[in-house]
Amino acid sequence: MQLSRRDAETLLLGAKTLVNVSAWVHRPARDGRAIQASFEARVVLAGAMPRGLWFRVNQWPSYPDSATIQLECDIPGQRSHLPLYRLDWRPLHTHVNGGYGPEELQGLFFDAGVTHEHVCLYHATKDDFIRSGGVHTARKIEPDFSTFEEALVHACDKLSIRNWREIPPSGMQREMNV
């Protein structure tokens, strides 16, 4: 699937509503070694539900001060997805930016625990299509968020998610009082 920069901007910047908001699910992480708490909801954009547009959040009970918040779309015909935006709040691993995106971001290194956000627009080709394979270039968030709630609000504001308050607590943080 090739996603144009214009379509990506529409998906990123348009006002959104989460639908079928339900409880967090606790299940084994992809590595099979840890349990993660996962929240996911379909997204309505401009009164329509684009095929395979999802908002997902993951937290780990062993590391409640770490989370990944992501907007993504399915890749038709594949068991995969294309991340459009990802916020890594106090991630457990280091990150190195690749050679795409704004020159000032290329090659930057982030230590584990350094909050940063990825935007697919950093991965556009010269022909204005978004490269597949993930969002590898990130920008550091300063100052860092002191709580998961602050990180979630930032991501939802950035993505224009109107009903973010409907996201239930994961069970690993205080009730959302923001």
N, C-alpha and C. Protein backbone atom coordinates (compact mmCIF):
# COMPACT_ATOMS: atom_id res chain seq x y z
N MET A 1 0.83 -1.17 0.00
CA MET A 1 0.00 0.00 0.00
C MET A 1 0.88 1.23 0.00
N GLN A 2 0.55 2.15 -0.85
CA GLN A 2 1.25 3.43 -0.84
C GLN A 2 0.29 4.48 -0.31
N LEU A 3 0.73 5.18 0.70
CA LEU A 3 -0.07 6.24 1.30
C LEU A 3 0.56 7.57 0.91
N SER A 4 -0.22 8.44 0.32
CA SER A 4 0.31 9.74 -0.07
C SER A 4 0.49 10.63 1.15
N ARG A 5 1.37 11.60 1.04
CA ARG A 5 1.57 12.57 2.11
C ARG A 5 0.25 13.29 2.42
N ARG A 6 -0.49 13.63 1.37
CA ARG A 6 -1.76 14.34 1.54
C ARG A 6 -2.75 13.50 2.34
N ASP A 7 -2.87 12.20 1.99
CA ASP A 7 -3.76 11.32 2.74
C ASP A 7 -3.29 11.14 4.18
N ALA A 8 -1.97 11.03 4.36
CA ALA A 8 -1.43 10.89 5.71
C ALA A 8 -1.74 12.13 6.55
N GLU A 9 -1.62 13.30 5.96
CA GLU A 9 -1.94 14.54 6.68
C GLU A 9 -3.42 14.56 7.08
N THR A 10 -4.29 14.09 6.19
CA THR A 10 -5.72 14.03 6.50
C THR A 10 -5.96 13.10 7.68
N LEU A 11 -5.33 11.92 7.67
CA LEU A 11 -5.50 10.95 8.75
C LEU A 11 -4.93 11.47 10.07
N LEU A 12 -3.82 12.17 10.00
CA LEU A 12 -3.18 12.68 11.21
C LEU A 12 -3.89 13.89 11.80
N LEU A 13 -4.29 14.83 10.95
CA LEU A 13 -4.74 16.13 11.42
C LEU A 13 -6.25 16.27 11.56
N GLY A 14 -7.03 15.43 10.88
CA GLY A 14 -8.48 15.54 10.94
C GLY A 14 -9.04 15.21 12.30
N ALA A 15 -10.17 15.84 12.64
CA ALA A 15 -10.84 15.57 13.92
C ALA A 15 -11.32 14.12 13.95
N LYS A 16 -11.06 13.46 15.07
CA LYS A 16 -11.36 12.03 15.19
C LYS A 16 -12.20 11.75 16.42
N THR A 17 -12.95 10.65 16.33
CA THR A 17 -13.71 10.11 17.45
C THR A 17 -13.40 8.63 17.54
N LEU A 18 -13.13 8.16 18.75
CA LEU A 18 -12.92 6.72 18.96
C LEU A 18 -14.28 6.05 19.07
N VAL A 19 -14.44 4.88 18.45
CA VAL A 19 -15.69 4.13 18.54
C VAL A 19 -15.42 2.76 19.14
N ASN A 20 -16.48 2.16 19.66
CA ASN A 20 -16.38 0.85 20.31
C ASN A 20 -15.32 0.85 21.41
N VAL A 21 -15.31 1.94 22.19
CA VAL A 21 -14.35 2.05 23.29
C VAL A 21 -14.70 0.99 24.32
N SER A 22 -13.73 0.17 24.66
CA SER A 22 -13.97 -0.91 25.61
C SER A 22 -12.81 -0.99 26.59
N ALA A 23 -12.87 -1.97 27.46
CA ALA A 23 -11.86 -2.14 28.51
C ALA A 23 -10.50 -2.53 27.93
N TRP A 24 -9.49 -2.30 28.70
CA TRP A 24 -8.14 -2.74 28.37
C TRP A 24 -8.10 -4.26 28.44
N VAL A 25 -7.25 -4.86 27.64
CA VAL A 25 -7.06 -6.31 27.62
C VAL A 25 -5.65 -6.60 28.08
N HIS A 26 -5.51 -7.55 28.99
CA HIS A 26 -4.18 -7.97 29.45
C HIS A 26 -3.82 -9.27 28.73
N ARG A 27 -2.69 -9.25 28.04
CA ARG A 27 -2.27 -10.42 27.26
C ARG A 27 -0.75 -10.44 27.15
N PRO A 28 -0.19 -11.57 26.73
CA PRO A 28 1.26 -11.63 26.56
C PRO A 28 1.71 -10.65 25.47
N ALA A 29 2.84 -9.99 25.71
CA ALA A 29 3.43 -9.10 24.72
C ALA A 29 3.97 -9.94 23.57
N ARG A 30 4.37 -9.28 22.49
CA ARG A 30 4.87 -10.01 21.31
C ARG A 30 6.06 -10.88 21.64
N ASP A 31 6.89 -10.48 22.60
CA ASP A 31 8.06 -11.30 22.94
C ASP A 31 7.68 -12.53 23.76
N GLY A 32 6.42 -12.59 24.23
CA GLY A 32 5.94 -13.74 24.97
C GLY A 32 6.41 -13.80 26.41
N ARG A 33 7.30 -12.90 26.79
CA ARG A 33 7.87 -12.96 28.14
C ARG A 33 7.14 -12.08 29.14
N ALA A 34 6.50 -11.04 28.68
CA ALA A 34 5.86 -10.08 29.58
C ALA A 34 4.38 -9.98 29.27
N ILE A 35 3.64 -9.52 30.24
CA ILE A 35 2.22 -9.23 30.05
C ILE A 35 2.09 -7.73 29.74
N GLN A 36 1.25 -7.41 28.80
CA GLN A 36 0.99 -6.00 28.52
C GLN A 36 -0.50 -5.73 28.61
N ALA A 37 -0.81 -4.50 28.97
CA ALA A 37 -2.19 -4.03 28.96
C ALA A 37 -2.37 -3.26 27.66
N SER A 38 -3.38 -3.64 26.88
CA SER A 38 -3.59 -3.04 25.58
C SER A 38 -4.99 -2.46 25.47
N PHE A 39 -5.04 -1.27 24.89
CA PHE A 39 -6.30 -0.61 24.57
C PHE A 39 -6.30 -0.36 23.08
N GLU A 40 -7.43 -0.63 22.43
CA GLU A 40 -7.54 -0.30 21.02
C GLU A 40 -8.97 0.08 20.69
N ALA A 41 -9.08 1.00 19.75
CA ALA A 41 -10.40 1.45 19.30
C ALA A 41 -10.31 1.85 17.84
N ARG A 42 -11.39 1.59 17.12
CA ARG A 42 -11.50 2.08 15.74
C ARG A 42 -11.68 3.58 15.79
N VAL A 43 -11.40 4.23 14.67
CA VAL A 43 -11.42 5.69 14.60
C VAL A 43 -12.37 6.16 13.51
N VAL A 44 -13.23 7.13 13.87
CA VAL A 44 -14.09 7.79 12.89
C VAL A 44 -13.43 9.13 12.57
N LEU A 45 -13.35 9.41 11.28
CA LEU A 45 -12.71 10.64 10.79
C LEU A 45 -13.66 11.30 9.80
N ALA A 46 -14.04 12.53 10.07
CA ALA A 46 -14.93 13.29 9.19
C ALA A 46 -16.21 12.52 8.88
N GLY A 47 -16.78 11.87 9.91
CA GLY A 47 -18.04 11.16 9.76
C GLY A 47 -17.94 9.81 9.08
N ALA A 48 -16.74 9.38 8.73
CA ALA A 48 -16.55 8.07 8.08
C ALA A 48 -15.56 7.25 8.90
N MET A 49 -15.61 5.95 8.72
CA MET A 49 -14.68 5.07 9.41
C MET A 49 -13.71 4.50 8.37
N PRO A 50 -12.56 5.18 8.19
CA PRO A 50 -11.60 4.68 7.20
C PRO A 50 -11.19 3.25 7.51
N ARG A 51 -11.08 2.44 6.48
CA ARG A 51 -10.75 1.03 6.65
C ARG A 51 -9.44 0.88 7.42
N GLY A 52 -9.52 0.18 8.54
CA GLY A 52 -8.32 -0.20 9.27
C GLY A 52 -7.61 0.91 10.02
N LEU A 53 -8.29 2.01 10.33
CA LEU A 53 -7.66 3.08 11.11
C LEU A 53 -7.91 2.80 12.59
N TRP A 54 -6.83 2.65 13.35
CA TRP A 54 -6.89 2.25 14.75
C TRP A 54 -6.09 3.18 15.63
N PHE A 55 -6.56 3.35 16.86
CA PHE A 55 -5.81 4.03 17.91
C PHE A 55 -5.50 2.96 18.94
N ARG A 56 -4.21 2.80 19.27
CA ARG A 56 -3.79 1.74 20.19
C ARG A 56 -2.86 2.30 21.26
N VAL A 57 -2.98 1.74 22.46
CA VAL A 57 -2.11 2.11 23.58
C VAL A 57 -1.67 0.82 24.27
N ASN A 58 -0.38 0.75 24.61
CA ASN A 58 0.15 -0.39 25.36
C ASN A 58 0.89 0.11 26.59
N GLN A 59 0.67 -0.58 27.70
CA GLN A 59 1.41 -0.38 28.93
C GLN A 59 1.80 -1.74 29.46
N TRP A 60 2.82 -1.77 30.31
CA TRP A 60 3.30 -3.03 30.87
C TRP A 60 3.21 -2.97 32.38
N PRO A 61 2.51 -3.95 33.00
CA PRO A 61 2.37 -3.94 34.46
C PRO A 61 3.71 -3.89 35.19
N SER A 62 4.73 -4.49 34.62
CA SER A 62 6.06 -4.46 35.25
C SER A 62 6.71 -3.08 35.15
N TYR A 63 6.23 -2.26 34.20
CA TYR A 63 6.80 -0.93 33.96
C TYR A 63 5.67 0.08 33.77
N PRO A 64 4.92 0.41 34.82
CA PRO A 64 3.74 1.28 34.66
C PRO A 64 4.07 2.69 34.24
N ASP A 65 5.34 3.10 34.33
CA ASP A 65 5.73 4.43 33.90
C ASP A 65 6.32 4.42 32.50
N SER A 66 5.81 3.55 31.66
CA SER A 66 6.23 3.44 30.26
C SER A 66 4.99 3.08 29.44
N ALA A 67 4.88 3.66 28.26
CA ALA A 67 3.72 3.36 27.39
C ALA A 67 4.05 3.69 25.95
N THR A 68 3.30 3.06 25.06
CA THR A 68 3.34 3.37 23.64
C THR A 68 1.93 3.73 23.21
N ILE A 69 1.79 4.88 22.56
CA ILE A 69 0.49 5.38 22.09
C ILE A 69 0.62 5.56 20.59
N GLN A 70 -0.28 4.93 19.81
CA GLN A 70 -0.08 4.90 18.36
C GLN A 70 -1.39 5.02 17.58
N LEU A 71 -1.31 5.76 16.47
CA LEU A 71 -2.36 5.78 15.45
C LEU A 71 -1.79 5.05 14.26
N GLU A 72 -2.55 4.09 13.74
CA GLU A 72 -2.04 3.27 12.63
C GLU A 72 -3.16 2.89 11.70
N CYS A 73 -2.77 2.47 10.51
CA CYS A 73 -3.76 1.96 9.56
C CYS A 73 -3.29 0.61 9.04
N ASP A 74 -4.26 -0.27 8.79
CA ASP A 74 -3.94 -1.59 8.26
C ASP A 74 -3.39 -1.47 6.85
N ILE A 75 -2.55 -2.41 6.49
CA ILE A 75 -2.07 -2.51 5.11
C ILE A 75 -2.92 -3.59 4.45
N PRO A 76 -3.72 -3.23 3.44
CA PRO A 76 -4.61 -4.21 2.81
C PRO A 76 -3.85 -5.46 2.33
N GLY A 77 -4.44 -6.62 2.61
CA GLY A 77 -3.88 -7.88 2.14
C GLY A 77 -2.71 -8.38 2.96
N GLN A 78 -2.39 -7.71 4.06
CA GLN A 78 -1.27 -8.13 4.89
C GLN A 78 -1.70 -8.17 6.35
N ARG A 79 -0.99 -8.95 7.13
CA ARG A 79 -1.24 -8.98 8.57
C ARG A 79 -0.28 -8.00 9.22
N SER A 80 -0.37 -6.77 8.79
CA SER A 80 0.54 -5.75 9.26
C SER A 80 -0.18 -4.40 9.26
N HIS A 81 0.49 -3.40 9.73
CA HIS A 81 -0.09 -2.07 9.78
C HIS A 81 1.00 -1.03 9.49
N LEU A 82 0.56 0.16 9.15
CA LEU A 82 1.45 1.27 8.90
C LEU A 82 1.26 2.28 10.02
N PRO A 83 2.27 2.47 10.88
CA PRO A 83 2.14 3.47 11.93
C PRO A 83 2.12 4.87 11.31
N LEU A 84 1.19 5.69 11.77
CA LEU A 84 1.10 7.07 11.31
C LEU A 84 1.71 8.01 12.35
N TYR A 85 1.52 7.67 13.62
CA TYR A 85 2.03 8.46 14.74
C TYR A 85 2.28 7.51 15.90
N ARG A 86 3.40 7.73 16.61
CA ARG A 86 3.66 6.94 17.81
C ARG A 86 4.36 7.82 18.83
N LEU A 87 3.84 7.78 20.05
CA LEU A 87 4.48 8.42 21.18
C LEU A 87 5.04 7.32 22.06
N ASP A 88 6.34 7.34 22.27
CA ASP A 88 6.99 6.41 23.18
C ASP A 88 7.28 7.17 24.47
N TRP A 89 6.44 6.92 25.49
CA TRP A 89 6.60 7.59 26.78
C TRP A 89 7.51 6.75 27.65
N ARG A 90 8.66 7.31 27.96
CA ARG A 90 9.66 6.65 28.79
C ARG A 90 9.89 5.20 28.33
N PRO A 91 10.29 5.03 27.07
CA PRO A 91 10.45 3.68 26.51
C PRO A 91 11.53 2.87 27.23
N LEU A 92 11.39 1.57 27.13
CA LEU A 92 12.31 0.66 27.81
C LEU A 92 13.62 0.46 27.05
N HIS A 93 13.64 0.86 25.78
CA HIS A 93 14.82 0.62 24.94
C HIS A 93 15.32 1.93 24.33
N THR A 94 16.57 1.90 23.89
CA THR A 94 17.14 3.04 23.19
C THR A 94 16.53 3.15 21.79
N HIS A 95 16.74 4.29 21.15
CA HIS A 95 16.25 4.51 19.78
C HIS A 95 17.27 5.36 19.03
N VAL A 96 17.51 5.01 17.77
CA VAL A 96 18.37 5.80 16.89
C VAL A 96 17.57 6.16 15.65
N ASN A 97 17.53 7.45 15.32
CA ASN A 97 16.86 7.88 14.10
C ASN A 97 17.64 7.43 12.88
N GLY A 98 16.90 7.13 11.83
CA GLY A 98 17.52 6.76 10.57
C GLY A 98 17.90 8.00 9.76
N GLY A 99 18.04 7.79 8.47
CA GLY A 99 18.49 8.85 7.58
C GLY A 99 17.38 9.58 6.86
N TYR A 100 16.15 9.45 7.34
CA TYR A 100 15.02 10.15 6.73
C TYR A 100 14.55 11.26 7.64
N GLY A 101 13.77 12.14 7.07
CA GLY A 101 13.16 13.21 7.86
C GLY A 101 14.00 14.46 7.88
N PRO A 102 13.58 15.40 8.70
CA PRO A 102 14.31 16.66 8.80
C PRO A 102 15.78 16.41 9.14
N GLU A 103 16.65 17.16 8.52
CA GLU A 103 18.09 16.95 8.69
C GLU A 103 18.52 17.01 10.15
N GLU A 104 17.89 17.90 10.93
CA GLU A 104 18.29 18.04 12.34
C GLU A 104 17.91 16.83 13.19
N LEU A 105 17.05 15.94 12.65
CA LEU A 105 16.66 14.74 13.39
C LEU A 105 17.43 13.50 12.97
N GLN A 106 18.04 13.55 11.81
CA GLN A 106 18.72 12.36 11.28
C GLN A 106 19.87 11.93 12.18
N GLY A 107 19.87 10.64 12.52
CA GLY A 107 20.94 10.06 13.32
C GLY A 107 20.89 10.34 14.81
N LEU A 108 19.85 11.05 15.29
CA LEU A 108 19.78 11.32 16.73
C LEU A 108 19.62 10.02 17.52
N PHE A 109 20.24 9.98 18.69
CA PHE A 109 20.17 8.83 19.58
C PHE A 109 19.37 9.23 20.82
N PHE A 110 18.46 8.35 21.23
CA PHE A 110 17.66 8.55 22.44
C PHE A 110 17.95 7.41 23.40
N ASP A 111 18.35 7.75 24.62
CA ASP A 111 18.54 6.73 25.65
C ASP A 111 17.20 6.12 26.03
N ALA A 112 17.23 4.92 26.60
CA ALA A 112 16.02 4.34 27.18
C ALA A 112 15.47 5.33 28.20
N GLY A 113 14.15 5.47 28.23
CA GLY A 113 13.52 6.37 29.16
C GLY A 113 13.31 7.78 28.64
N VAL A 114 13.84 8.10 27.46
CA VAL A 114 13.69 9.44 26.89
C VAL A 114 12.44 9.45 26.00
N THR A 115 11.45 10.22 26.40
CA THR A 115 10.18 10.29 25.68
C THR A 115 10.37 10.97 24.34
N HIS A 116 9.79 10.36 23.30
CA HIS A 116 9.89 10.92 21.95
C HIS A 116 8.68 10.52 21.13
N GLU A 117 8.43 11.28 20.05
CA GLU A 117 7.29 10.97 19.18
C GLU A 117 7.74 10.86 17.74
N HIS A 118 7.07 9.95 17.03
CA HIS A 118 7.34 9.66 15.63
C HIS A 118 6.13 10.11 14.81
N VAL A 119 6.38 10.69 13.66
CA VAL A 119 5.32 11.10 12.75
C VAL A 119 5.67 10.57 11.36
N CYS A 120 4.73 9.91 10.71
CA CYS A 120 5.01 9.29 9.41
C CYS A 120 5.42 10.32 8.35
N LEU A 121 5.06 11.57 8.52
CA LEU A 121 5.41 12.59 7.53
C LEU A 121 6.91 12.77 7.39
N TYR A 122 7.67 12.36 8.42
CA TYR A 122 9.13 12.39 8.35
C TYR A 122 9.67 11.36 7.36
N HIS A 123 8.80 10.46 6.90
CA HIS A 123 9.23 9.35 6.06
C HIS A 123 8.68 9.43 4.65
N ALA A 124 8.40 10.63 4.18
CA ALA A 124 7.87 10.79 2.83
C ALA A 124 9.00 10.72 1.81
N THR A 125 8.71 10.09 0.68
CA THR A 125 9.68 10.03 -0.42
C THR A 125 9.64 11.35 -1.18
N LYS A 126 10.52 11.50 -2.13
CA LYS A 126 10.53 12.69 -2.99
C LYS A 126 9.25 12.81 -3.79
N ASP A 127 8.58 11.67 -4.01
CA ASP A 127 7.31 11.66 -4.74
C ASP A 127 6.11 11.87 -3.82
N ASP A 128 6.38 12.19 -2.55
CA ASP A 128 5.35 12.46 -1.55
C ASP A 128 4.48 11.26 -1.20
N PHE A 129 5.12 10.10 -1.08
CA PHE A 129 4.47 8.92 -0.54
C PHE A 129 5.18 8.53 0.74
N ILE A 130 4.44 7.96 1.68
CA ILE A 130 5.01 7.55 2.96
C ILE A 130 5.70 6.20 2.79
N ARG A 131 6.95 6.13 3.22
CA ARG A 131 7.69 4.86 3.14
C ARG A 131 7.04 3.84 4.06
N SER A 132 7.05 2.60 3.65
CA SER A 132 6.54 1.53 4.52
C SER A 132 7.63 1.13 5.50
N GLY A 133 7.28 0.29 6.44
CA GLY A 133 8.28 -0.23 7.36
C GLY A 133 8.37 0.47 8.70
N GLY A 134 7.45 1.34 9.00
CA GLY A 134 7.45 1.94 10.32
C GLY A 134 7.83 3.41 10.32
N VAL A 135 7.82 3.96 11.50
CA VAL A 135 8.19 5.36 11.69
C VAL A 135 9.49 5.38 12.48
N HIS A 136 10.58 5.58 11.80
CA HIS A 136 11.90 5.42 12.41
C HIS A 136 12.50 6.71 12.93
N THR A 137 12.02 7.85 12.48
CA THR A 137 12.58 9.12 12.90
C THR A 137 11.69 9.74 13.96
N ALA A 138 12.31 10.21 15.04
CA ALA A 138 11.55 10.75 16.16
C ALA A 138 12.09 12.11 16.58
N ARG A 139 11.24 12.80 17.32
CA ARG A 139 11.59 14.09 17.91
C ARG A 139 11.41 13.96 19.42
N LYS A 140 12.39 14.45 20.17
CA LYS A 140 12.34 14.38 21.63
C LYS A 140 11.23 15.30 22.16
N ILE A 141 10.54 14.83 23.19
CA ILE A 141 9.51 15.63 23.86
C ILE A 141 10.16 16.29 25.08
N GLU A 142 10.13 17.61 25.11
CA GLU A 142 10.66 18.36 26.25
C GLU A 142 9.70 19.48 26.61
N PRO A 143 9.38 19.63 27.88
CA PRO A 143 9.77 18.74 28.97
C PRO A 143 8.97 17.45 28.90
N ASP A 144 9.50 16.43 29.54
CA ASP A 144 8.83 15.12 29.56
C ASP A 144 7.53 15.23 30.37
N PHE A 145 6.65 14.30 30.13
CA PHE A 145 5.39 14.23 30.87
C PHE A 145 5.66 13.56 32.21
N SER A 146 5.03 14.05 33.26
CA SER A 146 5.25 13.45 34.57
C SER A 146 4.33 12.27 34.81
N THR A 147 3.24 12.15 34.02
CA THR A 147 2.30 11.03 34.21
C THR A 147 1.87 10.46 32.86
N PHE A 148 1.36 9.25 32.93
CA PHE A 148 0.78 8.62 31.74
C PHE A 148 -0.36 9.47 31.21
N GLU A 149 -1.17 10.01 32.10
CA GLU A 149 -2.31 10.83 31.69
C GLU A 149 -1.87 12.01 30.84
N GLU A 150 -0.77 12.67 31.25
CA GLU A 150 -0.25 13.81 30.47
C GLU A 150 0.21 13.35 29.09
N ALA A 151 0.86 12.21 29.01
CA ALA A 151 1.31 11.68 27.72
C ALA A 151 0.11 11.37 26.83
N LEU A 152 -0.91 10.74 27.40
CA LEU A 152 -2.11 10.40 26.64
C LEU A 152 -2.82 11.65 26.14
N VAL A 153 -2.96 12.64 26.99
CA VAL A 153 -3.63 13.89 26.58
C VAL A 153 -2.84 14.55 25.45
N HIS A 154 -1.51 14.58 25.56
CA HIS A 154 -0.69 15.18 24.50
C HIS A 154 -0.93 14.48 23.16
N ALA A 155 -0.86 13.15 23.17
CA ALA A 155 -1.05 12.40 21.92
C ALA A 155 -2.45 12.63 21.36
N CYS A 156 -3.45 12.57 22.21
CA CYS A 156 -4.83 12.76 21.73
C CYS A 156 -5.06 14.18 21.23
N ASP A 157 -4.47 15.17 21.88
CA ASP A 157 -4.58 16.55 21.37
C ASP A 157 -3.89 16.67 20.02
N LYS A 158 -2.71 16.12 19.93
CA LYS A 158 -1.94 16.19 18.67
C LYS A 158 -2.70 15.51 17.53
N LEU A 159 -3.42 14.44 17.84
CA LEU A 159 -4.16 13.68 16.83
C LEU A 159 -5.62 14.14 16.70
N SER A 160 -6.01 15.15 17.44
CA SER A 160 -7.39 15.69 17.40
C SER A 160 -8.43 14.63 17.72
N ILE A 161 -8.16 13.83 18.75
CA ILE A 161 -9.12 12.83 19.21
C ILE A 161 -10.03 13.51 20.22
N ARG A 162 -11.29 13.68 19.84
CA ARG A 162 -12.24 14.47 20.62
C ARG A 162 -12.68 13.79 21.92
N ASN A 163 -12.88 12.49 21.88
CA ASN A 163 -13.47 11.81 23.03
C ASN A 163 -12.46 10.99 23.83
N TRP A 164 -11.25 11.49 23.97
CA TRP A 164 -10.21 10.75 24.67
C TRP A 164 -10.58 10.44 26.11
N ARG A 165 -11.45 11.24 26.70
CA ARG A 165 -11.83 11.00 28.10
C ARG A 165 -12.60 9.68 28.27
N GLU A 166 -13.08 9.12 27.19
CA GLU A 166 -13.79 7.83 27.26
C GLU A 166 -12.84 6.64 27.41
N ILE A 167 -11.54 6.87 27.22
CA ILE A 167 -10.59 5.78 27.37
C ILE A 167 -10.53 5.41 28.85
N PRO A 168 -10.86 4.16 29.17
CA PRO A 168 -10.86 3.78 30.60
C PRO A 168 -9.43 3.67 31.13
N PRO A 169 -9.26 3.79 32.44
CA PRO A 169 -7.93 3.59 33.02
C PRO A 169 -7.45 2.17 32.75
N SER A 170 -6.15 2.02 32.59
CA SER A 170 -5.57 0.70 32.30
C SER A 170 -5.49 -0.16 33.55
N GLY A 171 -5.68 0.46 34.70
CA GLY A 171 -5.51 -0.28 35.94
C GLY A 171 -4.11 -0.10 36.50
N MET A 172 -3.25 0.58 35.76
CA MET A 172 -1.87 0.80 36.21
C MET A 172 -1.60 2.24 36.57
N GLN A 173 -2.58 3.10 36.42
CA GLN A 173 -2.40 4.50 36.78
C GLN A 173 -3.62 4.97 37.56
N ARG A 174 -3.48 6.15 38.14
CA ARG A 174 -4.62 6.73 38.85
C ARG A 174 -5.77 6.95 37.88
N GLU A 175 -6.94 7.16 38.43
CA GLU A 175 -8.06 7.55 37.60
C GLU A 175 -7.69 8.83 36.86
N MET A 176 -8.13 8.96 35.61
CA MET A 176 -7.82 10.16 34.85
C MET A 176 -8.66 11.31 35.37
N ASN A 177 -8.00 12.26 35.97
CA ASN A 177 -8.67 13.44 36.52
C ASN A 177 -8.28 14.69 35.78
N VAL A 178 -7.96 14.58 34.51
CA VAL A 178 -7.53 15.74 33.73
C VAL A 178 -8.63 16.29 32.91
